[in-house]
Amino acid sequence: MRKILAILGLILVSSCQTGTDALNVDDVRKSELVAAECSIYFSVEAKLASEGRSANGNMSEGCAESGPKTADIAPINPPKQLDSRYATLLYQRMIARGMPKDVADNVRTSNAFYNLVVRNDEVYGRR
């Protein structure tokens, strides 16, 4: 009985890997998701600069300079509905990286945000 419980415990622990760990670091899908997220940060930085505002941190820190620099961050009306754990995590990460909350609220209703969440959920099989 103890062996069975130990084996079940190992199975549970191994199934708890994060989404990032689930894909090989060289997987094209992972780099595609990172590039899409970074393009949101680059676009927000450009928007803030054009408005004479600044972020509360360096949002694009760790992003490759050679990736796409623009994303469609304009809010859409009505916003597309997202019921995804990743949407919540991404929103929280944008704020944690220094994006002003009012901007994050608008980006959260953009095509770029929606498309990134949908693609992430397709890759990781979450909804």
C-alpha atoms as a PDB file:
ATOM      1  CA  MET A   1       0.000   0.000   0.000  1.00  0.00           C
ATOM      2  CA  ARG A   2       2.840   2.402   0.819  1.00  0.00           C
ATOM      3  CA  LYS A   3       4.462   1.726  -2.544  1.00  0.00           C
ATOM      4  CA  ILE A   4       1.231   2.584  -4.308  1.00  0.00           C
ATOM      5  CA  LEU A   5       0.899   5.826  -2.343  1.00  0.00           C
ATOM      6  CA  ALA A   6       4.526   6.706  -3.075  1.00  0.00           C
ATOM      7  CA  ILE A   7       4.031   6.115  -6.788  1.00  0.00           C
ATOM      8  CA  LEU A   8       0.831   8.184  -6.797  1.00  0.00           C
ATOM      9  CA  GLY A   9       2.664  10.952  -4.957  1.00  0.00           C
ATOM     10  CA  LEU A  10       5.419  10.980  -7.583  1.00  0.00           C
ATOM     11  CA  ILE A  11       2.863  11.132 -10.361  1.00  0.00           C
ATOM     12  CA  LEU A  12       1.103  14.076  -8.704  1.00  0.00           C
ATOM     13  CA  VAL A  13       4.352  15.960  -8.144  1.00  0.00           C
ATOM     14  CA  SER A  14       5.502  15.421 -11.717  1.00  0.00           C
ATOM     15  CA  SER A  15       2.171  16.639 -13.065  1.00  0.00           C
ATOM     16  CA  CYS A  16       2.532  19.953 -11.220  1.00  0.00           C
ATOM     17  CA  GLN A  17       5.171  21.437 -13.496  1.00  0.00           C
ATOM     18  CA  THR A  18       4.595  24.979 -14.634  1.00  0.00           C
ATOM     19  CA  GLY A  19       3.535  25.822 -18.169  1.00  0.00           C
ATOM     20  CA  THR A  20       6.986  27.257 -18.850  1.00  0.00           C
ATOM     21  CA  ASP A  21       8.637  24.023 -17.765  1.00  0.00           C
ATOM     22  CA  ALA A  22       6.298  21.966 -19.928  1.00  0.00           C
ATOM     23  CA  LEU A  23       7.873  23.199 -23.159  1.00  0.00           C
ATOM     24  CA  ASN A  24      11.501  22.765 -24.067  1.00  0.00           C
ATOM     25  CA  VAL A  25      13.395  26.034 -23.912  1.00  0.00           C
ATOM     26  CA  ASP A  26      14.131  25.765 -27.646  1.00  0.00           C
ATOM     27  CA  ASP A  27      10.499  25.137 -28.582  1.00  0.00           C
ATOM     28  CA  VAL A  28       9.361  27.646 -31.210  1.00  0.00           C
ATOM     29  CA  ARG A  29       5.980  27.971 -29.538  1.00  0.00           C
ATOM     30  CA  LYS A  30       7.573  29.177 -26.302  1.00  0.00           C
ATOM     31  CA  SER A  31       9.668  31.815 -28.069  1.00  0.00           C
ATOM     32  CA  GLU A  32       6.558  32.867 -30.022  1.00  0.00           C
ATOM     33  CA  LEU A  33       4.654  33.450 -26.772  1.00  0.00           C
ATOM     34  CA  VAL A  34       7.540  35.372 -25.199  1.00  0.00           C
ATOM     35  CA  ALA A  35       7.904  37.544 -28.320  1.00  0.00           C
ATOM     36  CA  ALA A  36       4.166  38.328 -28.297  1.00  0.00           C
ATOM     37  CA  GLU A  37       4.277  39.333 -24.634  1.00  0.00           C
ATOM     38  CA  CYS A  38       7.388  41.442 -25.179  1.00  0.00           C
ATOM     39  CA  SER A  39       5.783  43.219 -28.130  1.00  0.00           C
ATOM     40  CA  ILE A  40       3.013  44.326 -25.770  1.00  0.00           C
ATOM     41  CA  TYR A  41       5.628  45.779 -23.398  1.00  0.00           C
ATOM     42  CA  PHE A  42       7.495  47.554 -26.231  1.00  0.00           C
ATOM     43  CA  SER A  43       4.221  49.027 -27.510  1.00  0.00           C
ATOM     44  CA  VAL A  44       3.203  50.239 -24.066  1.00  0.00           C
ATOM     45  CA  GLU A  45       6.630  51.811 -23.495  1.00  0.00           C
ATOM     46  CA  ALA A  46       6.317  53.670 -26.810  1.00  0.00           C
ATOM     47  CA  LYS A  47       2.765  54.776 -25.949  1.00  0.00           C
ATOM     48  CA  LEU A  48       3.821  56.034 -22.524  1.00  0.00           C
ATOM     49  CA  ALA A  49       6.800  57.897 -24.022  1.00  0.00           C
ATOM     50  CA  SER A  50       4.556  59.601 -26.593  1.00  0.00           C
ATOM     51  CA  GLU A  51       2.263  60.707 -23.759  1.00  0.00           C
ATOM     52  CA  GLY A  52       5.161  61.970 -21.622  1.00  0.00           C
ATOM     53  CA  ARG A  53       4.489  59.295 -19.005  1.00  0.00           C
ATOM     54  CA  SER A  54       6.797  56.711 -17.536  1.00  0.00           C
ATOM     55  CA  ALA A  55       6.402  53.173 -16.309  1.00  0.00           C
ATOM     56  CA  ASN A  56       6.971  52.156 -12.717  1.00  0.00           C
ATOM     57  CA  GLY A  57       9.763  49.833 -13.863  1.00  0.00           C
ATOM     58  CA  ASN A  58      11.484  48.439 -16.927  1.00  0.00           C
ATOM     59  CA  MET A  59       8.651  46.451 -18.497  1.00  0.00           C
ATOM     60  CA  SER A  60      10.711  45.081 -21.377  1.00  0.00           C
ATOM     61  CA  GLU A  61      13.626  43.891 -19.235  1.00  0.00           C
ATOM     62  CA  GLY A  62      14.710  40.484 -20.487  1.00  0.00           C
ATOM     63  CA  CYS A  63      13.005  40.920 -23.858  1.00  0.00           C
ATOM     64  CA  ALA A  64      15.035  40.362 -27.011  1.00  0.00           C
ATOM     65  CA  GLU A  65      15.714  43.619 -28.820  1.00  0.00           C
ATOM     66  CA  SER A  66      15.395  41.868 -32.169  1.00  0.00           C
ATOM     67  CA  GLY A  67      11.783  40.775 -31.672  1.00  0.00           C
ATOM     68  CA  PRO A  68       8.615  42.494 -32.850  1.00  0.00           C
ATOM     69  CA  LYS A  69       8.242  45.961 -31.380  1.00  0.00           C
ATOM     70  CA  THR A  70       4.582  46.634 -32.020  1.00  0.00           C
ATOM     71  CA  ALA A  71       1.342  45.069 -30.892  1.00  0.00           C
ATOM     72  CA  ASP A  72      -2.273  46.136 -31.224  1.00  0.00           C
ATOM     73  CA  ILE A  73      -2.746  47.350 -27.647  1.00  0.00           C
ATOM     74  CA  ALA A  74      -5.718  49.617 -28.370  1.00  0.00           C
ATOM     75  CA  PRO A  75      -8.751  48.635 -26.310  1.00  0.00           C
ATOM     76  CA  ILE A  76     -11.576  47.105 -28.296  1.00  0.00           C
ATOM     77  CA  ASN A  77     -15.201  47.714 -27.545  1.00  0.00           C
ATOM     78  CA  PRO A  78     -16.825  45.477 -26.571  1.00  0.00           C
ATOM     79  CA  PRO A  79     -13.844  43.540 -25.220  1.00  0.00           C
ATOM     80  CA  LYS A  80     -13.618  39.855 -26.045  1.00  0.00           C
ATOM     81  CA  GLN A  81     -14.368  37.688 -23.038  1.00  0.00           C
ATOM     82  CA  LEU A  82     -11.527  35.677 -21.544  1.00  0.00           C
ATOM     83  CA  ASP A  83     -11.986  33.060 -18.880  1.00  0.00           C
ATOM     84  CA  SER A  84      -8.425  31.906 -18.497  1.00  0.00           C
ATOM     85  CA  ARG A  85      -6.018  31.532 -15.622  1.00  0.00           C
ATOM     86  CA  TYR A  86      -3.264  32.798 -17.895  1.00  0.00           C
ATOM     87  CA  ALA A  87      -5.197  36.026 -18.603  1.00  0.00           C
ATOM     88  CA  THR A  88      -5.170  36.789 -14.883  1.00  0.00           C
ATOM     89  CA  LEU A  89      -1.477  35.907 -14.560  1.00  0.00           C
ATOM     90  CA  LEU A  90      -0.518  38.006 -17.575  1.00  0.00           C
ATOM     91  CA  TYR A  91      -2.469  41.007 -16.276  1.00  0.00           C
ATOM     92  CA  GLN A  92      -0.785  40.706 -12.878  1.00  0.00           C
ATOM     93  CA  ARG A  93       2.638  40.343 -14.530  1.00  0.00           C
ATOM     94  CA  MET A  94       2.091  43.487 -16.619  1.00  0.00           C
ATOM     95  CA  ILE A  95       1.426  45.480 -13.463  1.00  0.00           C
ATOM     96  CA  ALA A  96       4.316  43.820 -11.603  1.00  0.00           C
ATOM     97  CA  ARG A  97       6.664  44.805 -14.450  1.00  0.00           C
ATOM     98  CA  GLY A  98       5.686  48.443 -13.943  1.00  0.00           C
ATOM     99  CA  MET A  99       2.803  49.041 -16.334  1.00  0.00           C
ATOM    100  CA  PRO A 100       0.483  51.699 -14.903  1.00  0.00           C
ATOM    101  CA  LYS A 101      -2.816  50.118 -13.864  1.00  0.00           C
ATOM    102  CA  ASP A 102      -4.933  52.331 -16.126  1.00  0.00           C
ATOM    103  CA  VAL A 103      -2.855  51.272 -19.125  1.00  0.00           C
ATOM    104  CA  ALA A 104      -2.924  47.599 -18.053  1.00  0.00           C
ATOM    105  CA  ASP A 105      -6.713  47.815 -17.798  1.00  0.00           C
ATOM    106  CA  ASN A 106      -6.878  49.071 -21.402  1.00  0.00           C
ATOM    107  CA  VAL A 107      -4.321  46.552 -22.700  1.00  0.00           C
ATOM    108  CA  ARG A 108      -6.312  43.786 -21.034  1.00  0.00           C
ATOM    109  CA  THR A 109      -9.143  44.520 -23.496  1.00  0.00           C
ATOM    110  CA  SER A 110      -6.895  44.663 -26.592  1.00  0.00           C
ATOM    111  CA  ASN A 111      -6.491  42.266 -29.499  1.00  0.00           C
ATOM    112  CA  ALA A 112      -2.834  41.717 -28.599  1.00  0.00           C
ATOM    113  CA  PHE A 113      -3.730  40.575 -25.079  1.00  0.00           C
ATOM    114  CA  TYR A 114      -6.613  38.408 -26.295  1.00  0.00           C
ATOM    115  CA  ASN A 115      -4.547  36.751 -29.041  1.00  0.00           C
ATOM    116  CA  LEU A 116      -1.661  36.031 -26.662  1.00  0.00           C
ATOM    117  CA  VAL A 117      -3.955  34.441 -24.081  1.00  0.00           C
ATOM    118  CA  VAL A 118      -5.740  32.339 -26.686  1.00  0.00           C
ATOM    119  CA  ARG A 119      -2.429  31.171 -28.203  1.00  0.00           C
ATOM    120  CA  ASN A 120      -0.998  30.364 -24.760  1.00  0.00           C
ATOM    121  CA  ASP A 121      -4.071  28.336 -23.901  1.00  0.00           C
ATOM    122  CA  GLU A 122      -3.820  26.477 -27.224  1.00  0.00           C
ATOM    123  CA  VAL A 123      -0.160  25.624 -26.622  1.00  0.00           C
ATOM    124  CA  TYR A 124      -0.583  24.562 -23.007  1.00  0.00           C
ATOM    125  CA  GLY A 125      -4.053  23.092 -23.368  1.00  0.00           C
ATOM    126  CA  ARG A 126      -5.647  25.274 -20.723  1.00  0.00           C
ATOM    127  CA  ARG A 127      -8.937  27.108 -20.714  1.00  0.00           C
END
